[in-house]
C-alpha atoms as a PDB file:
ATOM      1  CA  UNK A   1     141.777  60.932 149.166  1.00  0.00           C
ATOM      2  CA  UNK A   2     138.188  60.760 150.411  1.00  0.00           C
ATOM      3  CA  UNK A   3     138.092  60.319 154.201  1.00  0.00           C
ATOM      4  CA  UNK A   4     134.578  59.218 155.135  1.00  0.00           C
ATOM      5  CA  UNK A   5     133.131  57.196 158.003  1.00  0.00           C
ATOM      6  CA  UNK A   6     131.223  54.748 155.824  1.00  0.00           C
ATOM      7  CA  UNK A   7     129.459  53.087 158.752  1.00  0.00           C
ATOM      8  CA  UNK A   8     127.602  56.302 159.604  1.00  0.00           C
ATOM      9  CA  UNK A   9     126.973  57.011 155.921  1.00  0.00           C
ATOM     10  CA  UNK A  10     125.458  53.586 155.254  1.00  0.00           C
ATOM     11  CA  UNK A  11     123.265  53.631 158.363  1.00  0.00           C
ATOM     12  CA  UNK A  12     122.046  57.144 157.558  1.00  0.00           C
ATOM     13  CA  UNK A  13     121.341  56.198 153.948  1.00  0.00           C
ATOM     14  CA  UNK A  14     119.400  53.096 154.982  1.00  0.00           C
ATOM     15  CA  UNK A  15     117.291  55.055 157.490  1.00  0.00           C
ATOM     16  CA  UNK A  16     116.436  57.775 154.957  1.00  0.00           C
ATOM     17  CA  UNK A  17     115.536  55.189 152.326  1.00  0.00           C
ATOM     18  CA  UNK A  18     113.238  53.413 154.774  1.00  0.00           C
ATOM     19  CA  UNK A  19     111.594  56.692 155.806  1.00  0.00           C
ATOM     20  CA  UNK A  20     111.052  57.585 152.147  1.00  0.00           C
ATOM     21  CA  UNK A  21     109.436  54.246 151.307  1.00  0.00           C
ATOM     22  CA  UNK A  22     107.340  54.128 154.497  1.00  0.00           C
ATOM     23  CA  UNK A  23     106.052  57.701 154.036  1.00  0.00           C
ATOM     24  CA  UNK A  24     105.251  57.230 150.343  1.00  0.00           C
ATOM     25  CA  UNK A  25     101.834  55.480 150.701  1.00  0.00           C
ATOM     26  CA  UNK A  26     100.651  58.032 153.256  1.00  0.00           C
ATOM     27  CA  UNK A  27     102.111  61.368 152.186  1.00  0.00           C
ATOM     28  CA  UNK A  28     104.072  61.944 148.979  1.00  0.00           C
ATOM     29  CA  UNK A  29     105.168  65.384 150.180  1.00  0.00           C
ATOM     30  CA  UNK A  30     107.046  64.020 153.183  1.00  0.00           C
ATOM     31  CA  UNK A  31     108.402  61.147 151.112  1.00  0.00           C
ATOM     32  CA  UNK A  32     109.822  63.776 148.772  1.00  0.00           C
ATOM     33  CA  UNK A  33     111.317  65.693 151.722  1.00  0.00           C
ATOM     34  CA  UNK A  34     113.100  62.551 152.909  1.00  0.00           C
ATOM     35  CA  UNK A  35     114.363  62.016 149.356  1.00  0.00           C
ATOM     36  CA  UNK A  36     115.617  65.614 149.236  1.00  0.00           C
ATOM     37  CA  UNK A  37     117.352  65.075 152.576  1.00  0.00           C
ATOM     38  CA  UNK A  38     119.027  61.926 151.274  1.00  0.00           C
ATOM     39  CA  UNK A  39     120.274  63.601 148.091  1.00  0.00           C
ATOM     40  CA  UNK A  40     121.409  66.665 150.035  1.00  0.00           C
ATOM     41  CA  UNK A  41     123.272  64.441 152.497  1.00  0.00           C
ATOM     42  CA  UNK A  42     125.179  62.655 149.727  1.00  0.00           C
ATOM     43  CA  UNK A  43     125.860  65.884 147.840  1.00  0.00           C
ATOM     44  CA  UNK A  44     127.744  67.108 150.922  1.00  0.00           C
ATOM     45  CA  UNK A  45     130.040  64.084 151.298  1.00  0.00           C
ATOM     46  CA  UNK A  46     132.739  65.162 148.778  1.00  0.00           C
ATOM     47  CA  UNK A  47     132.946  68.545 150.507  1.00  0.00           C
ATOM     48  CA  UNK A  48     133.394  67.057 153.985  1.00  0.00           C
ATOM     49  CA  UNK A  49     135.555  64.083 152.989  1.00  0.00           C
ATOM     50  CA  UNK A  50     138.264  65.898 151.048  1.00  0.00           C
ATOM     51  CA  UNK A  51     140.426  68.688 152.464  1.00  0.00           C
ATOM     52  CA  UNK A  52     140.288  71.463 149.864  1.00  0.00           C
ATOM     53  CA  UNK A  53     140.845  75.231 149.707  1.00  0.00           C
ATOM     54  CA  UNK A  54     138.211  77.979 149.774  1.00  0.00           C
ATOM     55  CA  UNK A  55     135.237  75.627 150.452  1.00  0.00           C
ATOM     56  CA  UNK A  56     134.990  74.924 146.709  1.00  0.00           C
ATOM     57  CA  UNK A  57     133.693  71.339 146.976  1.00  0.00           C
ATOM     58  CA  UNK A  58     131.697  72.198 150.072  1.00  0.00           C
ATOM     59  CA  UNK A  59     129.752  74.788 148.094  1.00  0.00           C
ATOM     60  CA  UNK A  60     128.720  72.403 145.315  1.00  0.00           C
ATOM     61  CA  UNK A  61     126.058  70.655 147.405  1.00  0.00           C
ATOM     62  CA  UNK A  62     122.291  70.907 146.883  1.00  0.00           C
ATOM     63  CA  UNK A  63     121.433  71.768 150.486  1.00  0.00           C
ATOM     64  CA  UNK A  64     120.799  75.470 149.789  1.00  0.00           C
ATOM     65  CA  UNK A  65     118.406  74.733 146.930  1.00  0.00           C
ATOM     66  CA  UNK A  66     116.477  72.042 148.825  1.00  0.00           C
ATOM     67  CA  UNK A  67     116.218  74.276 151.898  1.00  0.00           C
ATOM     68  CA  UNK A  68     114.845  77.064 149.725  1.00  0.00           C
ATOM     69  CA  UNK A  69     112.296  74.835 147.964  1.00  0.00           C
ATOM     70  CA  UNK A  70     111.056  73.222 151.190  1.00  0.00           C
ATOM     71  CA  UNK A  71     110.828  76.551 153.026  1.00  0.00           C
ATOM     72  CA  UNK A  72     108.866  78.165 150.212  1.00  0.00           C
ATOM     73  CA  UNK A  73     106.324  75.350 150.001  1.00  0.00           C
ATOM     74  CA  UNK A  74     106.084  74.061 153.587  1.00  0.00           C
ATOM     75  CA  UNK A  75     107.385  76.854 155.779  1.00  0.00           C
ATOM     76  CA  UNK A  76     110.626  77.538 157.682  1.00  0.00           C
ATOM     77  CA  UNK A  77     110.492  74.658 160.193  1.00  0.00           C
ATOM     78  CA  UNK A  78     110.911  71.752 157.710  1.00  0.00           C
ATOM     79  CA  UNK A  79     113.483  73.789 155.803  1.00  0.00           C
ATOM     80  CA  UNK A  80     115.481  74.508 158.958  1.00  0.00           C
ATOM     81  CA  UNK A  81     115.311  70.818 159.906  1.00  0.00           C
ATOM     82  CA  UNK A  82     116.884  69.909 156.562  1.00  0.00           C
ATOM     83  CA  UNK A  83     119.510  72.645 156.963  1.00  0.00           C
ATOM     84  CA  UNK A  84     120.574  71.425 160.402  1.00  0.00           C
ATOM     85  CA  UNK A  85     120.662  67.766 159.423  1.00  0.00           C
ATOM     86  CA  UNK A  86     122.373  68.135 156.023  1.00  0.00           C
ATOM     87  CA  UNK A  87     124.956  70.543 157.431  1.00  0.00           C
ATOM     88  CA  UNK A  88     125.944  68.894 160.704  1.00  0.00           C
ATOM     89  CA  UNK A  89     125.431  65.176 160.037  1.00  0.00           C
ATOM     90  CA  UNK A  90     127.604  64.915 156.886  1.00  0.00           C
ATOM     91  CA  UNK A  91     130.399  66.757 158.719  1.00  0.00           C
ATOM     92  CA  UNK A  92     130.205  64.082 161.407  1.00  0.00           C
ATOM     93  CA  UNK A  93     131.001  61.585 158.643  1.00  0.00           C
ATOM     94  CA  UNK A  94     134.001  63.529 157.309  1.00  0.00           C
ATOM     95  CA  UNK A  95     136.987  65.668 158.268  1.00  0.00           C
ATOM     96  CA  UNK A  96     136.474  69.068 156.601  1.00  0.00           C
ATOM     97  CA  UNK A  97     135.821  71.992 156.982  1.00  0.00           C
ATOM     98  CA  UNK A  98     136.422  73.074 160.615  1.00  0.00           C
ATOM     99  CA  UNK A  99     133.399  72.663 162.866  1.00  0.00           C
ATOM    100  CA  UNK A 100     133.331  76.392 163.529  1.00  0.00           C
ATOM    101  CA  UNK A 101     132.772  77.073 159.834  1.00  0.00           C
ATOM    102  CA  UNK A 102     130.038  74.434 159.630  1.00  0.00           C
ATOM    103  CA  UNK A 103     128.187  75.862 162.632  1.00  0.00           C
ATOM    104  CA  UNK A 104     128.504  79.373 161.212  1.00  0.00           C
ATOM    105  CA  UNK A 105     127.029  78.202 157.923  1.00  0.00           C
ATOM    106  CA  UNK A 106     124.210  76.336 159.674  1.00  0.00           C
ATOM    107  CA  UNK A 107     123.205  79.347 161.776  1.00  0.00           C
ATOM    108  CA  UNK A 108     123.381  81.764 158.826  1.00  0.00           C
ATOM    109  CA  UNK A 109     121.245  79.476 156.628  1.00  0.00           C
ATOM    110  CA  UNK A 110     118.749  79.005 159.460  1.00  0.00           C
ATOM    111  CA  UNK A 111     118.322  82.750 159.850  1.00  0.00           C
ATOM    112  CA  UNK A 112     117.845  83.174 156.103  1.00  0.00           C
ATOM    113  CA  UNK A 113     115.259  80.371 156.049  1.00  0.00           C
ATOM    114  CA  UNK A 114     113.129  82.432 158.436  1.00  0.00           C
ATOM    115  CA  UNK A 115     113.115  85.250 155.872  1.00  0.00           C
ATOM    116  CA  UNK A 116     112.616  83.202 152.705  1.00  0.00           C
ATOM    117  CA  UNK A 117     108.778  82.943 152.697  1.00  0.00           C
ATOM    118  CA  UNK A 118     108.567  86.725 152.858  1.00  0.00           C
ATOM    119  CA  UNK A 119     111.334  87.182 150.265  1.00  0.00           C
ATOM    120  CA  UNK A 120     109.760  84.732 147.811  1.00  0.00           C
ATOM    121  CA  UNK A 121     106.346  86.330 148.208  1.00  0.00           C
ATOM    122  CA  UNK A 122     107.966  89.503 146.859  1.00  0.00           C
ATOM    123  CA  UNK A 123     110.026  87.965 144.058  1.00  0.00           C
ATOM    124  CA  UNK A 124     107.773  85.082 142.970  1.00  0.00           C
ATOM    125  CA  UNK A 125     110.791  83.587 141.208  1.00  0.00           C
ATOM    126  CA  UNK A 126     112.956  80.654 142.356  1.00  0.00           C
ATOM    127  CA  UNK A 127     116.154  82.016 140.794  1.00  0.00           C
ATOM    128  CA  UNK A 128     115.790  85.488 142.288  1.00  0.00           C
ATOM    129  CA  UNK A 129     114.873  84.071 145.698  1.00  0.00           C
ATOM    130  CA  UNK A 130     117.918  81.780 145.565  1.00  0.00           C
ATOM    131  CA  UNK A 131     120.253  84.658 144.738  1.00  0.00           C
ATOM    132  CA  UNK A 132     118.873  86.778 147.587  1.00  0.00           C
ATOM    133  CA  UNK A 133     119.147  83.739 149.888  1.00  0.00           C
ATOM    134  CA  UNK A 134     122.824  83.430 148.947  1.00  0.00           C
ATOM    135  CA  UNK A 135     123.589  87.114 149.414  1.00  0.00           C
ATOM    136  CA  UNK A 136     122.010  87.294 152.877  1.00  0.00           C
ATOM    137  CA  UNK A 137     123.731  84.055 153.881  1.00  0.00           C
ATOM    138  CA  UNK A 138     127.117  85.476 152.826  1.00  0.00           C
ATOM    139  CA  UNK A 139     126.472  88.746 154.692  1.00  0.00           C
ATOM    140  CA  UNK A 140     125.515  86.926 157.885  1.00  0.00           C
ATOM    141  CA  UNK A 141     128.453  84.537 157.614  1.00  0.00           C
ATOM    142  CA  UNK A 142     131.094  87.175 158.386  1.00  0.00           C
ATOM    143  CA  UNK A 143     129.912  88.428 161.803  1.00  0.00           C
ATOM    144  CA  UNK A 144     128.864  84.905 162.823  1.00  0.00           C
ATOM    145  CA  UNK A 145     132.421  83.750 162.139  1.00  0.00           C
ATOM    146  CA  UNK A 146     133.569  86.009 164.952  1.00  0.00           C
ATOM    147  CA  UNK A 147     131.378  83.981 167.313  1.00  0.00           C
ATOM    148  CA  UNK A 148     131.675  80.397 166.067  1.00  0.00           C
ATOM    149  CA  UNK A 149     134.994  80.445 164.155  1.00  0.00           C
ATOM    150  CA  UNK A 150     137.048  83.382 165.513  1.00  0.00           C
ATOM    151  CA  UNK A 151     140.384  81.785 164.558  1.00  0.00           C
ATOM    152  CA  UNK A 152     139.483  82.328 160.896  1.00  0.00           C
ATOM    153  CA  UNK A 153     140.038  86.063 161.489  1.00  0.00           C
ATOM    154  CA  UNK A 154     143.535  85.564 162.904  1.00  0.00           C
ATOM    155  CA  UNK A 155     144.888  86.400 159.461  1.00  0.00           C
ATOM    156  CA  UNK A 156     142.827  89.213 157.950  1.00  0.00           C
ATOM    157  CA  UNK A 157     144.550  88.851 154.582  1.00  0.00           C
ATOM    158  CA  UNK A 158     143.645  85.155 154.279  1.00  0.00           C
ATOM    159  CA  UNK A 159     140.083  85.830 155.436  1.00  0.00           C
ATOM    160  CA  UNK A 160     139.718  88.530 152.783  1.00  0.00           C
ATOM    161  CA  UNK A 161     140.900  86.114 150.060  1.00  0.00           C
ATOM    162  CA  UNK A 162     138.499  83.466 151.368  1.00  0.00           C
ATOM    163  CA  UNK A 163     135.569  85.880 151.144  1.00  0.00           C
ATOM    164  CA  UNK A 164     136.546  87.091 147.661  1.00  0.00           C
ATOM    165  CA  UNK A 165     136.670  83.519 146.319  1.00  0.00           C
ATOM    166  CA  UNK A 166     134.009  81.791 148.396  1.00  0.00           C
ATOM    167  CA  UNK A 167     131.142  84.247 147.989  1.00  0.00           C
ATOM    168  CA  UNK A 168     131.205  84.556 144.151  1.00  0.00           C
ATOM    169  CA  UNK A 169     131.647  80.785 143.851  1.00  0.00           C
ATOM    170  CA  UNK A 170     128.589  79.900 145.891  1.00  0.00           C
ATOM    171  CA  UNK A 171     126.617  82.693 144.201  1.00  0.00           C
ATOM    172  CA  UNK A 172     127.321  81.190 140.767  1.00  0.00           C
ATOM    173  CA  UNK A 173     126.714  77.590 141.864  1.00  0.00           C
ATOM    174  CA  UNK A 174     123.423  78.325 143.624  1.00  0.00           C
ATOM    175  CA  UNK A 175     122.264  80.445 140.706  1.00  0.00           C
ATOM    176  CA  UNK A 176     123.055  77.616 138.288  1.00  0.00           C
ATOM    177  CA  UNK A 177     121.199  75.030 140.381  1.00  0.00           C
ATOM    178  CA  UNK A 178     118.164  77.283 140.779  1.00  0.00           C
ATOM    179  CA  UNK A 179     118.036  78.076 137.064  1.00  0.00           C
ATOM    180  CA  UNK A 180     118.363  74.451 135.905  1.00  0.00           C
ATOM    181  CA  UNK A 181     116.609  72.465 138.659  1.00  0.00           C
ATOM    182  CA  UNK A 182     114.627  75.022 140.669  1.00  0.00           C
ATOM    183  CA  UNK A 183     111.265  74.732 138.939  1.00  0.00           C
ATOM    184  CA  UNK A 184     111.512  70.926 138.739  1.00  0.00           C
ATOM    185  CA  UNK A 185     112.094  70.514 142.476  1.00  0.00           C
ATOM    186  CA  UNK A 186     109.523  73.184 143.278  1.00  0.00           C
ATOM    187  CA  UNK A 187     106.851  71.294 141.308  1.00  0.00           C
ATOM    188  CA  UNK A 188     107.542  68.123 143.283  1.00  0.00           C
ATOM    189  CA  UNK A 189     106.405  69.786 146.507  1.00  0.00           C
ATOM    190  CA  UNK A 190     103.423  71.642 145.113  1.00  0.00           C
ATOM    191  CA  UNK A 191      99.989  70.350 146.048  1.00  0.00           C
ATOM    192  CA  UNK A 192      98.764  67.435 143.959  1.00  0.00           C
ATOM    193  CA  UNK A 193     102.129  66.489 142.459  1.00  0.00           C
ATOM    194  CA  UNK A 194     103.020  62.795 142.707  1.00  0.00           C
ATOM    195  CA  UNK A 195     106.268  61.347 144.036  1.00  0.00           C
ATOM    196  CA  UNK A 196     109.074  61.398 141.463  1.00  0.00           C
ATOM    197  CA  UNK A 197     110.137  57.808 140.924  1.00  0.00           C
ATOM    198  CA  UNK A 198     112.613  58.784 138.176  1.00  0.00           C
ATOM    199  CA  UNK A 199     114.377  61.083 140.666  1.00  0.00           C
ATOM    200  CA  UNK A 200     114.353  58.326 143.289  1.00  0.00           C
ATOM    201  CA  UNK A 201     115.819  55.760 140.868  1.00  0.00           C
ATOM    202  CA  UNK A 202     118.356  58.240 139.504  1.00  0.00           C
ATOM    203  CA  UNK A 203     119.506  59.184 143.025  1.00  0.00           C
ATOM    204  CA  UNK A 204     119.805  55.496 143.927  1.00  0.00           C
ATOM    205  CA  UNK A 205     121.951  54.739 140.874  1.00  0.00           C
ATOM    206  CA  UNK A 206     124.241  57.742 141.474  1.00  0.00           C
ATOM    207  CA  UNK A 207     124.660  56.881 145.160  1.00  0.00           C
ATOM    208  CA  UNK A 208     125.366  53.221 144.372  1.00  0.00           C
ATOM    209  CA  UNK A 209     127.921  54.023 141.673  1.00  0.00           C
ATOM    210  CA  UNK A 210     129.655  56.621 143.832  1.00  0.00           C
ATOM    211  CA  UNK A 211     129.709  54.364 146.878  1.00  0.00           C
ATOM    212  CA  UNK A 212     131.004  51.212 145.212  1.00  0.00           C
ATOM    213  CA  UNK A 213     133.627  53.032 143.136  1.00  0.00           C
ATOM    214  CA  UNK A 214     134.979  55.081 146.044  1.00  0.00           C
ATOM    215  CA  UNK A 215     134.503  52.458 148.768  1.00  0.00           C
ATOM    216  CA  UNK A 216     136.251  49.716 146.783  1.00  0.00           C
ATOM    217  CA  UNK A 217     139.094  52.076 146.020  1.00  0.00           C
ATOM    218  CA  UNK A 218     139.318  53.004 149.697  1.00  0.00           C
ATOM    219  CA  UNK A 219     139.289  49.372 150.721  1.00  0.00           C
ATOM    220  CA  UNK A 220     141.948  48.592 148.131  1.00  0.00           C
ATOM    221  CA  UNK A 221     144.150  51.362 149.472  1.00  0.00           C
ATOM    222  CA  UNK A 222     143.621  50.091 153.021  1.00  0.00           C
ATOM    223  CA  UNK A 223     144.394  46.557 151.848  1.00  0.00           C
ATOM    224  CA  UNK A 224     147.556  47.753 150.134  1.00  0.00           C
ATOM    225  CA  UNK A 225     148.544  49.538 153.318  1.00  0.00           C
ATOM    226  CA  UNK A 226     147.983  46.375 155.345  1.00  0.00           C
ATOM    227  CA  UNK A 227     150.054  44.325 152.901  1.00  0.00           C
ATOM    228  CA  UNK A 228     152.747  46.968 152.990  1.00  0.00           C
ATOM    229  CA  UNK A 229     152.862  46.919 156.769  1.00  0.00           C
ATOM    230  CA  UNK A 230     153.047  43.130 156.818  1.00  0.00           C
ATOM    231  CA  UNK A 231     155.871  43.139 154.284  1.00  0.00           C
ATOM    232  CA  UNK A 232     157.786  45.775 156.207  1.00  0.00           C
ATOM    233  CA  UNK A 233     157.296  43.816 159.406  1.00  0.00           C
ATOM    234  CA  UNK A 234     158.464  40.617 157.692  1.00  0.00           C
ATOM    235  CA  UNK A 235     161.545  42.350 156.302  1.00  0.00           C
ATOM    236  CA  UNK A 236     162.385  43.798 159.714  1.00  0.00           C
ATOM    237  CA  UNK A 237     162.033  40.356 161.309  1.00  0.00           C
ATOM    238  CA  UNK A 238     164.284  38.778 158.661  1.00  0.00           C
ATOM    239  CA  UNK A 239     166.922  41.460 159.077  1.00  0.00           C
ATOM    240  CA  UNK A 240     166.691  41.163 162.842  1.00  0.00           C
ATOM    241  CA  UNK A 241     167.084  37.375 162.722  1.00  0.00           C
ATOM    242  CA  UNK A 242     169.970  37.645 160.266  1.00  0.00           C
ATOM    243  CA  UNK A 243     171.714  40.152 162.480  1.00  0.00           C
ATOM    244  CA  UNK A 244     171.318  37.815 165.462  1.00  0.00           C
ATOM    245  CA  UNK A 245     172.673  34.888 163.469  1.00  0.00           C
ATOM    246  CA  UNK A 246     175.550  36.990 162.221  1.00  0.00           C
ATOM    247  CA  UNK A 247     176.337  38.032 165.782  1.00  0.00           C
ATOM    248  CA  UNK A 248     176.367  34.377 166.890  1.00  0.00           C
ATOM    249  CA  UNK A 249     178.670  33.419 164.005  1.00  0.00           C
ATOM    250  CA  UNK A 250     181.031  36.232 164.858  1.00  0.00           C
ATOM    251  CA  UNK A 251     181.091  35.209 168.510  1.00  0.00           C
ATOM    252  CA  UNK A 252     181.866  31.602 167.514  1.00  0.00           C
ATOM    253  CA  UNK A 253     184.677  32.749 165.246  1.00  0.00           C
ATOM    254  CA  UNK A 254     186.089  34.932 168.017  1.00  0.00           C
ATOM    255  CA  UNK A 255     186.077  32.000 170.455  1.00  0.00           C
ATOM    256  CA  UNK A 256     187.869  29.799 167.895  1.00  0.00           C
ATOM    257  CA  UNK A 257     190.552  32.435 167.407  1.00  0.00           C
ATOM    258  CA  UNK A 258     191.046  32.687 171.171  1.00  0.00           C
ATOM    259  CA  UNK A 259     191.375  28.879 171.407  1.00  0.00           C
ATOM    260  CA  UNK A 260     194.003  28.897 168.663  1.00  0.00           C
ATOM    261  CA  UNK A 261     195.909  31.650 170.482  1.00  0.00           C
ATOM    262  CA  UNK A 262     195.886  29.673 173.727  1.00  0.00           C
ATOM    263  CA  UNK A 263     197.140  26.560 171.940  1.00  0.00           C
ATOM    264  CA  UNK A 264     200.020  28.511 170.419  1.00  0.00           C
END
């Protein structure tokens, strides 16, 4: 079941939409950054709202790719800003993974973002830069865990399994995203490129469909739980009242028997 604080999600979504629309007439680049931030934020929600093993859902987000694209085109500072926001803020809306793991990931991605302009100047290729980004992030993750999430090393065997599953998974996912969407997103931030209304409309439709389908289901479950609690309470009250009435009847019968005995 998806456990999300929808109040924070809706407020955040509204603010990012407003920032995107307000920035659009003045600077399409920053409007695109706000749109990237919004999509990255929503892509993280399944990973933070559902408890799952080996960070599998957590690794399916688009934060890595957006951070790479923004850093390459605008420098490390905007990229790091997106990394910090789209890592920490979605976790505030959910329940998973542990905060130590989130902070570790945020710090490792921030350090890699400082290297990305230099790395991409050497590779000149989005896919190759993304793969190197992922490798360095995975290498930095392990020692940083000892600082921000030391309890993860309490069981070396489990930590080894986590590394063996988590690292190849994120390597494949990031490589897939970079290969399919890398050039498209990169073109959106290059000088002279206009704001992508199709992307904006598509993101809006996906967010709306996801929200209404999941939120209504969540509300229905909550409603069912409320009805269930009311029914259980009603049943308990009925049983309690019946037991009291039965006790009174028994006491009356006992008094009648005692009266009959005295008469005899």
